[in-house]
Amino acid sequence: MSLITISLRGGGPIYLQLKEEVIRLAGEGILQPDEQLPSVRTLARDLGINPNTVAKAYQELESEGIIYSMGGRGSFLSGDALATEGVRQEALRGVRQAAEKARRVGVPMEQLDELLRSVYDEGGEQT
């Protein structure tokens, strides 16, 4: 799965980057429900990271209901991956952190509102 990109320098914990990439790919429709993910070893080799890091990301994704595992067959994207509360809460935490930073550096509320509306307009608003 060469679509996953991570930053080995300053991009935050690698396992979190990996989780976010799987969620992003699912949200963009690149990964489809019930699609098999690369094995831990394969993905670790492709990304040049420790297999334990991939395993940790997969474990967290599974505990949040974003993926599921089948013994001997691998890990798959859950059919309702993006509907899980964990994904939504994580997204809201990210927006909150960004909004707090924007407020601290003086970005006007109107500009944030305009940005959010344009993002939803581009992707089709979801309720």
N, C-alpha and C. Protein backbone atom coordinates (compact mmCIF):
# COMPACT_ATOMS: atom_id res chain seq x y z
N MET A 1 0.85 -1.17 0.00
CA MET A 1 0.00 0.00 0.00
C MET A 1 0.89 1.23 0.00
N SER A 2 1.36 1.59 -1.16
CA SER A 2 2.26 2.72 -1.29
C SER A 2 1.55 4.06 -1.12
N LEU A 3 0.25 4.04 -0.93
CA LEU A 3 -0.49 5.28 -0.74
C LEU A 3 -0.28 5.87 0.64
N ILE A 4 0.21 5.07 1.56
CA ILE A 4 0.46 5.53 2.93
C ILE A 4 1.80 6.24 2.96
N THR A 5 1.78 7.45 3.49
CA THR A 5 3.01 8.21 3.64
C THR A 5 3.16 8.62 5.10
N ILE A 6 4.36 8.52 5.58
CA ILE A 6 4.66 8.94 6.94
C ILE A 6 5.92 9.78 6.92
N SER A 7 6.09 10.58 7.95
CA SER A 7 7.28 11.40 8.09
C SER A 7 8.10 10.84 9.24
N LEU A 8 9.33 10.47 8.93
CA LEU A 8 10.20 9.94 9.97
C LEU A 8 10.85 11.07 10.78
N ARG A 9 10.65 12.30 10.32
CA ARG A 9 11.23 13.46 11.02
C ARG A 9 10.13 14.45 11.38
N GLY A 10 9.84 14.53 12.64
CA GLY A 10 8.96 15.57 13.14
C GLY A 10 7.50 15.48 12.76
N GLY A 11 7.04 14.34 12.30
CA GLY A 11 5.64 14.22 11.94
C GLY A 11 4.79 13.66 13.04
N GLY A 12 5.35 13.54 14.23
CA GLY A 12 4.63 12.94 15.34
C GLY A 12 4.92 11.45 15.39
N PRO A 13 4.37 10.77 16.39
CA PRO A 13 4.61 9.34 16.52
C PRO A 13 4.20 8.60 15.25
N ILE A 14 5.04 7.70 14.81
CA ILE A 14 4.81 7.01 13.54
C ILE A 14 3.53 6.18 13.58
N TYR A 15 3.25 5.54 14.71
CA TYR A 15 2.04 4.71 14.75
C TYR A 15 0.78 5.57 14.61
N LEU A 16 0.82 6.80 15.15
CA LEU A 16 -0.33 7.72 14.99
C LEU A 16 -0.45 8.20 13.55
N GLN A 17 0.68 8.47 12.92
CA GLN A 17 0.65 8.86 11.52
C GLN A 17 0.04 7.75 10.67
N LEU A 18 0.42 6.51 10.98
CA LEU A 18 -0.10 5.37 10.25
C LEU A 18 -1.62 5.24 10.44
N LYS A 19 -2.07 5.39 11.68
CA LYS A 19 -3.51 5.36 11.96
C LYS A 19 -4.23 6.43 11.15
N GLU A 20 -3.71 7.65 11.17
CA GLU A 20 -4.35 8.75 10.47
C GLU A 20 -4.38 8.52 8.97
N GLU A 21 -3.35 7.90 8.44
CA GLU A 21 -3.31 7.61 7.01
C GLU A 21 -4.38 6.59 6.62
N VAL A 22 -4.55 5.56 7.42
CA VAL A 22 -5.59 4.56 7.13
C VAL A 22 -6.96 5.24 7.17
N ILE A 23 -7.19 6.07 8.18
CA ILE A 23 -8.46 6.78 8.29
C ILE A 23 -8.66 7.73 7.11
N ARG A 24 -7.61 8.42 6.72
CA ARG A 24 -7.69 9.34 5.56
C ARG A 24 -8.03 8.57 4.29
N LEU A 25 -7.35 7.47 4.05
CA LEU A 25 -7.59 6.69 2.84
C LEU A 25 -9.02 6.13 2.82
N ALA A 26 -9.53 5.76 3.98
CA ALA A 26 -10.91 5.28 4.07
C ALA A 26 -11.87 6.44 3.79
N GLY A 27 -11.59 7.59 4.38
CA GLY A 27 -12.45 8.75 4.20
C GLY A 27 -12.50 9.24 2.76
N GLU A 28 -11.40 9.09 2.05
CA GLU A 28 -11.34 9.51 0.66
C GLU A 28 -11.87 8.44 -0.29
N GLY A 29 -12.24 7.29 0.26
CA GLY A 29 -12.76 6.21 -0.57
C GLY A 29 -11.71 5.41 -1.29
N ILE A 30 -10.45 5.65 -0.96
CA ILE A 30 -9.37 4.89 -1.59
C ILE A 30 -9.35 3.48 -1.03
N LEU A 31 -9.58 3.36 0.27
CA LEU A 31 -9.77 2.05 0.89
C LEU A 31 -11.27 1.81 1.00
N GLN A 32 -11.70 0.67 0.60
CA GLN A 32 -13.11 0.33 0.61
C GLN A 32 -13.44 -0.57 1.80
N PRO A 33 -14.68 -0.54 2.27
CA PRO A 33 -15.08 -1.45 3.35
C PRO A 33 -14.76 -2.90 2.99
N ASP A 34 -14.25 -3.62 3.98
CA ASP A 34 -13.87 -5.03 3.87
C ASP A 34 -12.65 -5.26 2.98
N GLU A 35 -11.96 -4.20 2.59
CA GLU A 35 -10.73 -4.35 1.82
C GLU A 35 -9.60 -4.76 2.76
N GLN A 36 -8.79 -5.69 2.30
CA GLN A 36 -7.69 -6.19 3.12
C GLN A 36 -6.55 -5.18 3.15
N LEU A 37 -6.01 -4.97 4.34
CA LEU A 37 -4.85 -4.11 4.52
C LEU A 37 -3.59 -4.95 4.35
N PRO A 38 -2.47 -4.31 4.05
CA PRO A 38 -1.22 -5.07 3.96
C PRO A 38 -0.89 -5.71 5.31
N SER A 39 -0.20 -6.81 5.26
CA SER A 39 0.23 -7.45 6.51
C SER A 39 1.16 -6.52 7.26
N VAL A 40 1.29 -6.77 8.54
CA VAL A 40 2.17 -5.95 9.39
C VAL A 40 3.58 -5.95 8.82
N ARG A 41 4.08 -7.12 8.50
CA ARG A 41 5.46 -7.22 8.00
C ARG A 41 5.64 -6.53 6.66
N THR A 42 4.68 -6.70 5.77
CA THR A 42 4.77 -6.08 4.44
C THR A 42 4.77 -4.56 4.55
N LEU A 43 3.83 -4.03 5.32
CA LEU A 43 3.74 -2.58 5.46
C LEU A 43 4.98 -2.01 6.15
N ALA A 44 5.46 -2.70 7.17
CA ALA A 44 6.68 -2.25 7.86
C ALA A 44 7.86 -2.21 6.90
N ARG A 45 7.98 -3.25 6.09
CA ARG A 45 9.08 -3.30 5.12
C ARG A 45 8.94 -2.18 4.09
N ASP A 46 7.72 -1.98 3.56
CA ASP A 46 7.51 -0.94 2.55
C ASP A 46 7.79 0.46 3.07
N LEU A 47 7.46 0.69 4.36
CA LEU A 47 7.66 2.02 4.94
C LEU A 47 9.01 2.17 5.62
N GLY A 48 9.73 1.07 5.78
CA GLY A 48 11.03 1.13 6.44
C GLY A 48 10.93 1.39 7.93
N ILE A 49 9.91 0.80 8.56
CA ILE A 49 9.72 0.99 9.99
C ILE A 49 9.63 -0.36 10.69
N ASN A 50 9.65 -0.32 12.00
CA ASN A 50 9.60 -1.53 12.82
C ASN A 50 8.21 -2.17 12.74
N PRO A 51 8.13 -3.48 12.56
CA PRO A 51 6.83 -4.14 12.53
C PRO A 51 5.99 -3.91 13.79
N ASN A 52 6.65 -3.73 14.93
CA ASN A 52 5.90 -3.46 16.17
C ASN A 52 5.13 -2.15 16.08
N THR A 53 5.66 -1.20 15.34
CA THR A 53 4.99 0.09 15.16
C THR A 53 3.70 -0.09 14.36
N VAL A 54 3.79 -0.88 13.29
CA VAL A 54 2.60 -1.17 12.48
C VAL A 54 1.59 -1.95 13.32
N ALA A 55 2.07 -2.92 14.07
CA ALA A 55 1.18 -3.74 14.90
C ALA A 55 0.45 -2.86 15.91
N LYS A 56 1.15 -1.90 16.50
CA LYS A 56 0.51 -1.01 17.47
C LYS A 56 -0.59 -0.18 16.80
N ALA A 57 -0.31 0.35 15.62
CA ALA A 57 -1.31 1.14 14.89
C ALA A 57 -2.51 0.27 14.55
N TYR A 58 -2.27 -0.94 14.06
CA TYR A 58 -3.37 -1.84 13.72
C TYR A 58 -4.18 -2.21 14.97
N GLN A 59 -3.51 -2.42 16.09
CA GLN A 59 -4.22 -2.76 17.32
C GLN A 59 -5.15 -1.63 17.75
N GLU A 60 -4.66 -0.40 17.67
CA GLU A 60 -5.49 0.75 18.04
C GLU A 60 -6.65 0.94 17.06
N LEU A 61 -6.37 0.77 15.77
CA LEU A 61 -7.44 0.87 14.78
C LEU A 61 -8.51 -0.19 15.03
N GLU A 62 -8.08 -1.38 15.41
CA GLU A 62 -9.04 -2.45 15.69
C GLU A 62 -9.84 -2.15 16.95
N SER A 63 -9.17 -1.65 17.98
CA SER A 63 -9.89 -1.35 19.23
C SER A 63 -10.91 -0.23 19.04
N GLU A 64 -10.69 0.62 18.05
CA GLU A 64 -11.62 1.72 17.75
C GLU A 64 -12.67 1.31 16.73
N GLY A 65 -12.62 0.07 16.25
CA GLY A 65 -13.62 -0.42 15.31
C GLY A 65 -13.40 0.01 13.87
N ILE A 66 -12.22 0.51 13.56
CA ILE A 66 -11.93 0.99 12.22
C ILE A 66 -11.51 -0.17 11.31
N ILE A 67 -10.81 -1.13 11.88
CA ILE A 67 -10.45 -2.33 11.14
C ILE A 67 -10.84 -3.54 11.98
N TYR A 68 -10.83 -4.69 11.35
CA TYR A 68 -11.06 -5.95 12.06
C TYR A 68 -10.07 -6.97 11.53
N SER A 69 -9.76 -7.94 12.36
CA SER A 69 -8.81 -8.98 11.99
C SER A 69 -9.51 -10.32 11.91
N MET A 70 -9.04 -11.13 10.99
CA MET A 70 -9.51 -12.50 10.87
C MET A 70 -8.28 -13.40 10.97
N GLY A 71 -8.29 -14.28 11.97
CA GLY A 71 -7.14 -15.14 12.21
C GLY A 71 -6.66 -15.84 10.96
N GLY A 72 -5.39 -15.67 10.67
CA GLY A 72 -4.78 -16.32 9.52
C GLY A 72 -5.06 -15.66 8.19
N ARG A 73 -5.95 -14.66 8.16
CA ARG A 73 -6.30 -14.01 6.90
C ARG A 73 -5.85 -12.57 6.83
N GLY A 74 -5.67 -11.90 7.99
CA GLY A 74 -5.19 -10.54 7.98
C GLY A 74 -6.18 -9.54 8.55
N SER A 75 -5.90 -8.28 8.26
CA SER A 75 -6.71 -7.17 8.76
C SER A 75 -7.46 -6.52 7.61
N PHE A 76 -8.69 -6.08 7.90
CA PHE A 76 -9.58 -5.53 6.88
C PHE A 76 -10.22 -4.25 7.39
N LEU A 77 -10.55 -3.35 6.46
CA LEU A 77 -11.24 -2.12 6.83
C LEU A 77 -12.67 -2.45 7.20
N SER A 78 -13.11 -1.93 8.31
CA SER A 78 -14.48 -2.16 8.78
C SER A 78 -15.47 -1.50 7.83
N GLY A 79 -16.63 -2.11 7.70
CA GLY A 79 -17.65 -1.56 6.83
C GLY A 79 -18.16 -0.21 7.29
N ASP A 80 -18.10 0.05 8.58
CA ASP A 80 -18.56 1.34 9.11
C ASP A 80 -17.41 2.09 9.77
N ALA A 81 -16.24 2.01 9.16
CA ALA A 81 -15.03 2.57 9.75
C ALA A 81 -15.17 4.05 10.10
N LEU A 82 -15.76 4.81 9.21
CA LEU A 82 -15.83 6.25 9.45
C LEU A 82 -16.99 6.64 10.33
N ALA A 83 -17.90 5.71 10.58
CA ALA A 83 -19.04 6.02 11.42
C ALA A 83 -18.74 5.80 12.89
N THR A 84 -17.59 5.24 13.20
CA THR A 84 -17.28 4.96 14.59
C THR A 84 -17.06 6.25 15.36
N GLU A 85 -17.50 6.25 16.58
CA GLU A 85 -17.39 7.44 17.42
C GLU A 85 -15.94 7.82 17.66
N GLY A 86 -15.06 6.84 17.75
CA GLY A 86 -13.64 7.13 17.98
C GLY A 86 -13.04 7.98 16.88
N VAL A 87 -13.38 7.67 15.63
CA VAL A 87 -12.86 8.44 14.50
C VAL A 87 -13.39 9.86 14.55
N ARG A 88 -14.66 10.00 14.84
CA ARG A 88 -15.24 11.34 14.90
C ARG A 88 -14.63 12.16 16.03
N GLN A 89 -14.45 11.54 17.19
CA GLN A 89 -13.88 12.26 18.32
C GLN A 89 -12.44 12.66 18.03
N GLU A 90 -11.69 11.79 17.38
CA GLU A 90 -10.31 12.11 17.02
C GLU A 90 -10.27 13.29 16.05
N ALA A 91 -11.18 13.29 15.09
CA ALA A 91 -11.24 14.39 14.13
C ALA A 91 -11.59 15.70 14.83
N LEU A 92 -12.54 15.64 15.75
CA LEU A 92 -12.93 16.85 16.49
C LEU A 92 -11.79 17.36 17.36
N ARG A 93 -11.02 16.45 17.96
CA ARG A 93 -9.85 16.87 18.75
C ARG A 93 -8.86 17.62 17.88
N GLY A 94 -8.64 17.11 16.67
CA GLY A 94 -7.72 17.78 15.75
C GLY A 94 -8.20 19.16 15.36
N VAL A 95 -9.49 19.28 15.09
CA VAL A 95 -10.06 20.58 14.74
C VAL A 95 -9.95 21.54 15.92
N ARG A 96 -10.23 21.03 17.11
CA ARG A 96 -10.14 21.87 18.32
C ARG A 96 -8.72 22.39 18.51
N GLN A 97 -7.74 21.51 18.37
CA GLN A 97 -6.34 21.93 18.54
C GLN A 97 -5.97 22.99 17.50
N ALA A 98 -6.41 22.77 16.26
CA ALA A 98 -6.11 23.75 15.21
C ALA A 98 -6.80 25.08 15.49
N ALA A 99 -8.05 25.03 15.96
CA ALA A 99 -8.78 26.26 16.26
C ALA A 99 -8.13 27.02 17.42
N GLU A 100 -7.69 26.28 18.43
CA GLU A 100 -7.01 26.92 19.56
C GLU A 100 -5.73 27.61 19.11
N LYS A 101 -4.98 26.94 18.25
CA LYS A 101 -3.74 27.54 17.74
C LYS A 101 -4.06 28.78 16.90
N ALA A 102 -5.07 28.68 16.05
CA ALA A 102 -5.46 29.82 15.22
C ALA A 102 -5.87 31.01 16.08
N ARG A 103 -6.62 30.75 17.15
CA ARG A 103 -7.04 31.82 18.06
C ARG A 103 -5.83 32.48 18.71
N ARG A 104 -4.87 31.64 19.14
CA ARG A 104 -3.67 32.18 19.81
C ARG A 104 -2.85 33.08 18.89
N VAL A 105 -2.85 32.78 17.60
CA VAL A 105 -2.04 33.58 16.68
C VAL A 105 -2.85 34.68 16.00
N GLY A 106 -4.12 34.83 16.41
CA GLY A 106 -4.90 35.97 15.96
C GLY A 106 -5.72 35.78 14.69
N VAL A 107 -5.98 34.56 14.29
CA VAL A 107 -6.83 34.35 13.11
C VAL A 107 -8.27 34.68 13.51
N PRO A 108 -8.92 35.57 12.76
CA PRO A 108 -10.29 35.95 13.10
C PRO A 108 -11.28 34.78 12.93
N MET A 109 -12.30 34.76 13.79
CA MET A 109 -13.31 33.72 13.76
C MET A 109 -13.97 33.63 12.39
N GLU A 110 -14.20 34.77 11.76
CA GLU A 110 -14.85 34.78 10.45
C GLU A 110 -14.02 34.02 9.42
N GLN A 111 -12.70 34.12 9.52
CA GLN A 111 -11.83 33.42 8.58
C GLN A 111 -11.88 31.91 8.82
N LEU A 112 -11.93 31.50 10.09
CA LEU A 112 -12.06 30.08 10.40
C LEU A 112 -13.39 29.54 9.90
N ASP A 113 -14.46 30.29 10.12
CA ASP A 113 -15.78 29.87 9.66
C ASP A 113 -15.79 29.72 8.15
N GLU A 114 -15.20 30.67 7.45
CA GLU A 114 -15.15 30.61 5.99
C GLU A 114 -14.36 29.38 5.53
N LEU A 115 -13.27 29.09 6.20
CA LEU A 115 -12.46 27.93 5.84
C LEU A 115 -13.24 26.63 6.04
N LEU A 116 -13.88 26.49 7.18
CA LEU A 116 -14.66 25.28 7.44
C LEU A 116 -15.78 25.11 6.41
N ARG A 117 -16.46 26.19 6.11
CA ARG A 117 -17.55 26.11 5.13
C ARG A 117 -17.01 25.71 3.76
N SER A 118 -15.86 26.24 3.37
CA SER A 118 -15.31 25.90 2.05
C SER A 118 -14.87 24.43 2.00
N VAL A 119 -14.34 23.91 3.10
CA VAL A 119 -13.96 22.50 3.15
C VAL A 119 -15.19 21.62 2.98
N TYR A 120 -16.27 21.95 3.66
CA TYR A 120 -17.50 21.17 3.53
C TYR A 120 -18.13 21.32 2.16
N ASP A 121 -18.04 22.52 1.59
CA ASP A 121 -18.59 22.73 0.25
C ASP A 121 -17.84 21.92 -0.80
N GLU A 122 -16.52 21.82 -0.64
CA GLU A 122 -15.70 21.05 -1.58
C GLU A 122 -16.01 19.57 -1.53
N GLY A 123 -16.23 19.05 -0.32
CA GLY A 123 -16.40 17.61 -0.18
C GLY A 123 -17.82 17.16 -0.02
N GLY A 124 -18.75 18.07 -0.06
CA GLY A 124 -20.15 17.69 0.16
C GLY A 124 -20.39 17.53 1.65
N GLU A 125 -21.23 18.37 2.20
CA GLU A 125 -21.47 18.37 3.64
C GLU A 125 -22.07 17.06 4.10
N GLN A 126 -21.57 16.56 5.23
CA GLN A 126 -22.10 15.35 5.82
C GLN A 126 -22.64 15.68 7.18
N THR A 127 -23.80 15.14 7.49
CA THR A 127 -24.39 15.41 8.79
C THR A 127 -24.41 14.18 9.63
